[in-house]
């Protein structure tokens, strides 16, 4: 077992931390990492969103507290926050799939906007010091298919229901920060995290490239690929989780500079790969794969999306440390273990966190 003092996140040891969306892909990895740090975690989710489930396979519930309800219930959210009295909050809960947002826009808007509204209200009623990192998306930007990387000061937009709901959520957050969370008077500190196309083991979400591929390929079936020439900011989930942890830690120590600020967490310029290029990388590492380009689509996605993460590098000393090849290897190793080698999933996930920490070269 990795001890917290080897992770250079001692700040979280014995701290009370709420993670919303703890049963989701990123939420499970974050909760596991915080648990290794010695934190007392309370997870809030409305359900277990996928089957199979990383959350289920690592039995994370045995080491944390958790409650299940819909964050749209503002009164319930306030009551839970008031009772638990968190030192840190990581708000990840959301409907995060673009394709699903087209099929169910009402739930997407309500989950992403009203869920965040409930969290902000709960923070507003909290009577103690608390640091909150609210996760939105790289898709909050008005995407004009530009080659330049979007900076945090660029225009917020979003054409599809998911992107639009996340853009609106950022307006909501800004309004609450300016109206209720004064930098000098409020005990609450808030920053926004915008991350890109995160990949990693334990993701079984529908409508995402690697989960869709793996689920088909383990059954020797062909997968339908949409937008093969679209470019995405591919990065491993642990890169982004590390960014969230750093942001919360720095925010707790430097509220005057970081409160109310948004941060991009994206890979460097050398990690620009199209969907087709990623598939060809996978082909070198995973046997019996086959795909077909799906030409008929009834929804649109951005073809080019790129983030500028210089602000995170300057203020947080954060940047991606894994190459795209290393990232793909880590992802495929996790799924290979799950489907074929069948070693203990919890220990394998912990090992990947440990290996990533070694890649960070933290002393």
Protein backbone atom coordinates (compact mmCIF):
# COMPACT_ATOMS: atom_id res chain seq x y z
CA UNK A 1 0.00 0.00 0.00
CA UNK A 2 1.30 3.46 -0.90
CA UNK A 3 1.60 5.82 2.02
CA UNK A 4 0.45 9.44 1.71
CA UNK A 5 3.88 10.80 2.62
CA UNK A 6 5.26 9.33 -0.60
CA UNK A 7 2.76 11.22 -2.72
CA UNK A 8 3.63 14.75 -1.62
CA UNK A 9 -0.01 15.46 -0.91
CA UNK A 10 0.26 15.46 2.88
CA UNK A 11 -2.22 18.31 2.94
CA UNK A 12 -5.04 15.80 2.40
CA UNK A 13 -4.09 13.48 5.25
CA UNK A 14 -6.96 13.33 7.76
CA UNK A 15 -8.84 16.07 5.89
CA UNK A 16 -12.58 15.74 5.25
CA UNK A 17 -13.19 15.76 1.51
CA UNK A 18 -16.37 15.57 -0.54
CA UNK A 19 -16.11 14.11 -4.04
CA UNK A 20 -19.27 14.41 -6.13
CA UNK A 21 -19.55 11.87 -8.90
CA UNK A 22 -17.27 9.49 -6.99
CA UNK A 23 -18.67 6.45 -8.82
CA UNK A 24 -17.77 7.83 -12.24
CA UNK A 25 -14.58 7.29 -14.22
CA UNK A 26 -12.54 10.27 -12.98
CA UNK A 27 -14.32 10.32 -9.63
CA UNK A 28 -13.25 6.77 -8.79
CA UNK A 29 -9.58 7.44 -9.62
CA UNK A 30 -9.64 10.67 -7.59
CA UNK A 31 -11.31 8.96 -4.63
CA UNK A 32 -8.77 6.13 -4.71
CA UNK A 33 -5.85 8.59 -4.77
CA UNK A 34 -7.32 10.63 -1.90
CA UNK A 35 -7.85 7.45 0.08
CA UNK A 36 -4.17 6.63 -0.36
CA UNK A 37 -3.37 10.09 0.99
CA UNK A 38 -5.15 9.30 4.24
CA UNK A 39 -8.16 11.54 3.58
CA UNK A 40 -11.62 11.01 5.00
CA UNK A 41 -13.74 10.97 1.84
CA UNK A 42 -17.48 11.35 1.47
CA UNK A 43 -18.66 10.40 -2.00
CA UNK A 44 -21.90 11.75 -3.45
CA UNK A 45 -23.44 10.19 -6.55
CA UNK A 46 -26.92 9.46 -7.83
CA UNK A 47 -25.97 5.96 -9.06
CA UNK A 48 -23.23 3.76 -10.46
CA UNK A 49 -23.21 5.01 -14.06
CA UNK A 50 -21.68 2.09 -15.94
CA UNK A 51 -21.39 -1.67 -15.95
CA UNK A 52 -18.73 -2.92 -15.60
CA UNK A 53 -17.69 -0.31 -13.05
CA UNK A 54 -14.22 0.64 -11.80
CA UNK A 55 -15.90 1.85 -8.62
CA UNK A 56 -17.36 -1.61 -8.04
CA UNK A 57 -14.27 -3.56 -9.06
CA UNK A 58 -11.95 -1.81 -6.59
CA UNK A 59 -14.50 -1.83 -3.75
CA UNK A 60 -13.71 1.77 -2.94
CA UNK A 61 -16.84 2.00 -0.79
CA UNK A 62 -15.14 -0.07 1.92
CA UNK A 63 -12.75 2.78 2.69
CA UNK A 64 -15.01 5.84 2.40
CA UNK A 65 -18.38 7.20 3.39
CA UNK A 66 -20.94 7.67 0.64
CA UNK A 67 -24.50 8.83 0.01
CA UNK A 68 -26.61 8.34 -3.09
CA UNK A 69 -29.00 11.04 -4.26
CA UNK A 70 -29.42 13.48 -7.14
CA UNK A 71 -27.53 16.74 -6.62
CA UNK A 72 -30.47 18.58 -8.15
CA UNK A 73 -31.97 18.22 -4.66
CA UNK A 74 -30.54 21.45 -3.21
CA UNK A 75 -31.92 20.92 0.30
CA UNK A 76 -30.42 17.44 0.56
CA UNK A 77 -27.09 18.73 -0.76
CA UNK A 78 -26.99 21.52 1.82
CA UNK A 79 -27.84 19.09 4.62
CA UNK A 80 -25.06 16.68 3.64
CA UNK A 81 -22.47 19.46 3.41
CA UNK A 82 -23.59 20.95 6.73
CA UNK A 83 -23.32 17.62 8.52
CA UNK A 84 -19.98 16.50 7.01
CA UNK A 85 -18.25 19.91 7.20
CA UNK A 86 -15.74 19.35 4.38
CA UNK A 87 -12.29 20.89 4.21
CA UNK A 88 -12.14 20.29 0.44
CA UNK A 89 -14.75 19.69 -2.26
CA UNK A 90 -14.12 18.24 -5.72
CA UNK A 91 -17.26 18.60 -7.81
CA UNK A 92 -17.12 16.16 -10.72
CA UNK A 93 -20.74 14.94 -10.92
CA UNK A 94 -22.17 15.59 -14.38
CA UNK A 95 -23.74 14.12 -17.49
CA UNK A 96 -20.49 14.12 -19.44
CA UNK A 97 -21.20 12.39 -22.76
CA UNK A 98 -21.80 14.56 -25.84
CA UNK A 99 -23.77 11.86 -27.67
CA UNK A 100 -26.04 11.32 -24.67
CA UNK A 101 -26.64 15.07 -24.41
CA UNK A 102 -28.32 14.99 -27.82
CA UNK A 103 -30.58 12.11 -26.78
CA UNK A 104 -31.43 13.55 -23.37
CA UNK A 105 -30.80 17.32 -23.29
CA UNK A 106 -33.13 17.97 -20.35
CA UNK A 107 -31.25 15.64 -18.03
CA UNK A 108 -27.92 17.00 -19.30
CA UNK A 109 -28.85 20.60 -18.57
CA UNK A 110 -30.42 19.79 -15.20
CA UNK A 111 -27.53 17.59 -14.06
CA UNK A 112 -24.79 19.97 -15.12
CA UNK A 113 -26.37 23.32 -14.29
CA UNK A 114 -28.71 22.59 -11.39
CA UNK A 115 -26.33 20.08 -9.81
CA UNK A 116 -23.61 22.73 -9.68
CA UNK A 117 -26.11 25.28 -8.40
CA UNK A 118 -26.90 22.97 -5.46
CA UNK A 119 -23.19 22.59 -4.67
CA UNK A 120 -22.66 26.36 -4.77
CA UNK A 121 -25.65 26.90 -2.48
CA UNK A 122 -24.29 24.28 -0.07
CA UNK A 123 -20.92 26.03 -0.06
CA UNK A 124 -22.64 29.40 0.48
CA UNK A 125 -24.28 28.02 3.63
CA UNK A 126 -21.14 26.40 4.96
CA UNK A 127 -19.82 28.12 8.11
CA UNK A 128 -16.23 26.97 7.89
CA UNK A 129 -13.16 27.30 5.68
CA UNK A 130 -13.45 25.14 2.59
CA UNK A 131 -11.58 24.82 -0.71
CA UNK A 132 -13.61 23.77 -3.76
CA UNK A 133 -12.46 22.73 -7.22
CA UNK A 134 -15.32 22.63 -9.70
CA UNK A 135 -14.63 20.59 -12.82
CA UNK A 136 -16.23 21.74 -16.05
CA UNK A 137 -14.79 20.84 -19.48
CA UNK A 138 -12.52 21.87 -22.33
CA UNK A 139 -15.75 22.12 -24.36
CA UNK A 140 -16.84 25.29 -22.55
CA UNK A 141 -14.99 27.34 -25.15
CA UNK A 142 -16.64 28.82 -28.22
CA UNK A 143 -14.96 26.41 -30.61
CA UNK A 144 -14.08 28.04 -33.91
CA UNK A 145 -11.87 25.11 -35.02
CA UNK A 146 -8.72 27.17 -34.57
CA UNK A 147 -5.19 25.78 -34.50
CA UNK A 148 -4.29 27.90 -31.48
CA UNK A 149 -4.83 26.47 -28.06
CA UNK A 150 -7.71 28.01 -26.13
CA UNK A 151 -6.67 30.11 -23.15
CA UNK A 152 -8.69 30.59 -19.99
CA UNK A 153 -9.62 34.14 -21.07
CA UNK A 154 -11.10 33.03 -24.40
CA UNK A 155 -14.81 33.25 -25.16
CA UNK A 156 -17.14 30.76 -23.48
CA UNK A 157 -19.64 29.09 -25.79
CA UNK A 158 -20.83 25.60 -26.67
CA UNK A 159 -23.16 24.51 -29.47
CA UNK A 160 -24.21 20.99 -28.48
CA UNK A 161 -26.31 20.42 -25.32
CA UNK A 162 -23.36 19.14 -23.29
CA UNK A 163 -21.00 21.97 -24.22
CA UNK A 164 -23.74 24.56 -23.82
CA UNK A 165 -24.64 23.29 -20.36
CA UNK A 166 -21.01 23.42 -19.27
CA UNK A 167 -20.58 26.95 -20.66
CA UNK A 168 -23.69 28.07 -18.79
CA UNK A 169 -22.36 26.39 -15.65
CA UNK A 170 -19.24 28.54 -15.82
CA UNK A 171 -21.39 31.69 -15.98
CA UNK A 172 -23.23 30.39 -12.92
CA UNK A 173 -19.99 29.76 -11.01
CA UNK A 174 -18.65 33.21 -11.87
CA UNK A 175 -21.90 34.82 -10.71
CA UNK A 176 -21.76 33.05 -7.34
CA UNK A 177 -18.09 33.86 -6.83
CA UNK A 178 -18.68 37.55 -7.51
CA UNK A 179 -21.92 37.70 -5.50
CA UNK A 180 -21.26 35.53 -2.45
CA UNK A 181 -17.63 34.44 -2.18
CA UNK A 182 -15.62 37.61 -1.70
CA UNK A 183 -11.90 36.96 -1.89
CA UNK A 184 -11.11 38.72 1.38
CA UNK A 185 -14.25 38.01 3.44
CA UNK A 186 -15.54 34.58 2.46
CA UNK A 187 -14.22 31.38 4.02
CA UNK A 188 -14.85 29.60 0.75
CA UNK A 189 -12.21 29.38 -1.99
CA UNK A 190 -13.21 28.23 -5.48
CA UNK A 191 -11.32 27.47 -8.67
CA UNK A 192 -12.47 25.93 -11.94
CA UNK A 193 -10.71 23.06 -13.72
CA UNK A 194 -11.15 22.49 -17.47
CA UNK A 195 -9.77 19.21 -18.76
CA UNK A 196 -9.79 17.63 -22.16
CA UNK A 197 -10.25 14.16 -23.59
CA UNK A 198 -9.26 12.01 -20.62
CA UNK A 199 -8.54 8.32 -21.13
CA UNK A 200 -7.59 5.53 -18.75
CA UNK A 201 -8.42 2.12 -17.39
CA UNK A 202 -11.79 1.63 -15.78
CA UNK A 203 -13.74 3.76 -18.24
CA UNK A 204 -16.78 1.98 -19.66
CA UNK A 205 -18.75 5.07 -20.67
CA UNK A 206 -20.86 4.86 -23.81
CA UNK A 207 -19.85 7.02 -26.76
CA UNK A 208 -16.16 7.28 -25.84
CA UNK A 209 -13.53 5.98 -28.22
CA UNK A 210 -11.43 3.58 -26.16
CA UNK A 211 -14.24 2.10 -24.01
CA UNK A 212 -16.35 1.54 -27.13
CA UNK A 213 -13.41 -0.14 -28.87
CA UNK A 214 -12.38 -2.35 -25.96
CA UNK A 215 -15.92 -3.60 -25.33
CA UNK A 216 -16.20 -4.67 -28.98
CA UNK A 217 -12.69 -6.04 -29.43
CA UNK A 218 -12.77 -8.36 -26.41
CA UNK A 219 -15.74 -10.00 -28.17
CA UNK A 220 -13.90 -10.01 -31.53
CA UNK A 221 -16.42 -7.57 -32.96
CA UNK A 222 -15.86 -4.62 -35.28
CA UNK A 223 -16.32 -1.14 -33.84
CA UNK A 224 -17.90 1.76 -35.71
CA UNK A 225 -15.69 4.87 -35.62
CA UNK A 226 -17.09 8.39 -35.97
CA UNK A 227 -15.02 11.42 -36.97
CA UNK A 228 -11.71 9.56 -37.62
CA UNK A 229 -9.89 12.79 -38.47
CA UNK A 230 -10.97 14.71 -35.37
CA UNK A 231 -8.15 15.84 -33.10
CA UNK A 232 -8.49 15.54 -29.33
CA UNK A 233 -6.25 16.49 -26.38
CA UNK A 234 -5.55 12.87 -25.36
CA UNK A 235 -4.24 12.54 -21.81
CA UNK A 236 -4.23 9.95 -19.07
CA UNK A 237 -6.77 10.32 -16.29
CA UNK A 238 -4.02 10.44 -13.65
CA UNK A 239 -2.47 13.50 -15.31
CA UNK A 240 -5.72 15.37 -14.81
CA UNK A 241 -6.34 14.04 -11.29
CA UNK A 242 -2.88 15.26 -10.32
CA UNK A 243 -3.83 18.66 -11.70
CA UNK A 244 -6.99 18.76 -9.58
CA UNK A 245 -5.04 17.83 -6.45
CA UNK A 246 -2.37 20.44 -7.11
CA UNK A 247 -4.97 23.12 -7.81
CA UNK A 248 -6.83 22.47 -4.56
CA UNK A 249 -3.59 22.44 -2.56
CA UNK A 250 -2.30 25.67 -4.11
CA UNK A 251 -5.71 27.33 -3.74
CA UNK A 252 -5.73 26.50 -0.03
CA UNK A 253 -2.38 28.23 0.35
CA UNK A 254 -2.79 31.15 -2.04
CA UNK A 255 -6.42 32.23 -2.16
CA UNK A 256 -5.56 35.80 -3.13
CA UNK A 257 -4.20 34.70 -6.53
CA UNK A 258 -6.20 31.58 -7.36
CA UNK A 259 -9.71 32.17 -6.02
CA UNK A 260 -12.14 32.56 -8.90
CA UNK A 261 -9.58 31.49 -11.48
CA UNK A 262 -10.04 28.83 -14.17
CA UNK A 263 -7.27 26.46 -15.26
CA UNK A 264 -6.82 24.35 -18.37
CA UNK A 265 -5.36 20.88 -17.97
CA UNK A 266 -4.35 19.60 -21.37
CA UNK A 267 -1.41 17.80 -23.02
CA UNK A 268 1.45 19.52 -24.78
CA UNK A 269 1.56 20.29 -28.48
CA UNK A 270 3.30 17.01 -29.24
CA UNK A 271 0.24 15.03 -28.14
CA UNK A 272 -1.90 16.09 -31.09
CA UNK A 273 -3.34 12.90 -32.50
CA UNK A 274 -6.41 12.22 -34.57
CA UNK A 275 -8.82 9.41 -33.72
CA UNK A 276 -7.35 7.37 -36.56
CA UNK A 277 -3.80 7.91 -35.33
CA UNK A 278 -4.80 6.76 -31.85
CA UNK A 279 -6.35 3.62 -33.34
CA UNK A 280 -3.16 2.88 -35.23
CA UNK A 281 -1.16 3.28 -32.00
CA UNK A 282 -3.51 0.85 -30.26
CA UNK A 283 -3.19 -1.59 -33.17
CA UNK A 284 0.50 -2.01 -32.35
CA UNK A 285 -0.30 -3.04 -28.77
CA UNK A 286 -3.65 -4.89 -28.89
CA UNK A 287 -4.36 -7.95 -31.03
CA UNK A 288 -7.47 -8.74 -33.04
CA UNK A 289 -8.77 -5.24 -33.53
CA UNK A 290 -11.00 -4.11 -36.36
CA UNK A 291 -12.99 -0.99 -37.11
CA UNK A 292 -15.22 0.62 -39.69
CA UNK A 293 -15.78 4.31 -40.34
CA UNK A 294 -19.36 5.34 -39.52
CA UNK A 295 -20.28 7.94 -42.14
CA UNK A 296 -23.90 8.61 -41.19
CA UNK A 297 -24.16 10.69 -38.03
CA UNK A 298 -27.09 12.56 -36.58
CA UNK A 299 -25.08 14.80 -34.27
CA UNK A 300 -22.04 17.06 -34.57
CA UNK A 301 -18.78 17.09 -32.64
CA UNK A 302 -15.85 19.47 -32.84
CA UNK A 303 -13.14 18.33 -35.27
CA UNK A 304 -10.34 20.23 -33.58
CA UNK A 305 -10.01 21.03 -29.90
CA UNK A 306 -6.79 22.18 -28.29
CA UNK A 307 -6.01 23.70 -24.89
CA UNK A 308 -3.27 26.07 -23.80
CA UNK A 309 -2.15 24.98 -20.31
CA UNK A 310 0.62 27.54 -19.70
CA UNK A 311 -1.33 29.06 -16.83
CA UNK A 312 -1.36 25.73 -14.96
CA UNK A 313 2.36 25.38 -15.59
CA UNK A 314 3.08 28.89 -14.28
CA UNK A 315 0.87 28.89 -11.17
CA UNK A 316 0.75 25.19 -10.27
CA UNK A 317 3.91 23.78 -11.85
CA UNK A 318 1.66 21.26 -13.61
CA UNK A 319 2.15 19.71 -17.01
CA UNK A 320 1.60 16.32 -18.58
CA UNK A 321 4.59 14.05 -18.05
CA UNK A 322 3.47 11.03 -20.07
CA UNK A 323 3.91 10.75 -23.81
CA UNK A 324 0.91 9.67 -25.86
CA UNK A 325 2.59 6.30 -26.38
CA UNK A 326 3.07 5.85 -22.62
CA UNK A 327 -0.53 6.92 -22.03
CA UNK A 328 -1.91 4.38 -24.50
CA UNK A 329 0.30 1.66 -22.98
CA UNK A 330 -1.01 2.40 -19.47
CA UNK A 331 -4.61 2.31 -20.66
CA UNK A 332 -4.24 -0.95 -22.58
CA UNK A 333 -2.29 -2.58 -19.74
CA UNK A 334 -5.17 -1.85 -17.40
CA UNK A 335 -7.77 -3.38 -19.73
CA UNK A 336 -5.50 -6.33 -20.54
CA UNK A 337 -5.22 -7.04 -16.83
CA UNK A 338 -8.96 -6.72 -16.34
CA UNK A 339 -10.04 -8.96 -19.22
CA UNK A 340 -7.18 -11.45 -19.55
CA UNK A 341 -4.64 -11.49 -16.73
CA UNK A 342 -7.33 -10.93 -14.09
CA UNK A 343 -5.05 -9.74 -11.30
CA UNK A 344 -6.59 -7.85 -8.39
CA UNK A 345 -8.10 -4.72 -9.97
CA UNK A 346 -7.71 -2.56 -6.87
CA UNK A 347 -4.03 -3.39 -6.48
CA UNK A 348 -3.41 -2.95 -10.20
CA UNK A 349 -5.02 0.51 -10.10
CA UNK A 350 -2.97 1.44 -7.04
CA UNK A 351 0.15 0.25 -8.85
CA UNK A 352 -0.67 2.54 -11.79
CA UNK A 353 -1.00 5.51 -9.42
CA UNK A 354 2.34 4.56 -7.87
CA UNK A 355 3.99 4.28 -11.31
CA UNK A 356 2.56 7.63 -12.35
CA UNK A 357 3.90 9.26 -9.19
CA UNK A 358 7.32 7.87 -10.05
CA UNK A 359 6.98 9.43 -13.51
CA UNK A 360 6.34 12.78 -11.79
CA UNK A 361 9.73 12.38 -10.07
CA UNK A 362 8.37 13.78 -6.82
CA UNK A 363 10.90 13.88 -4.03
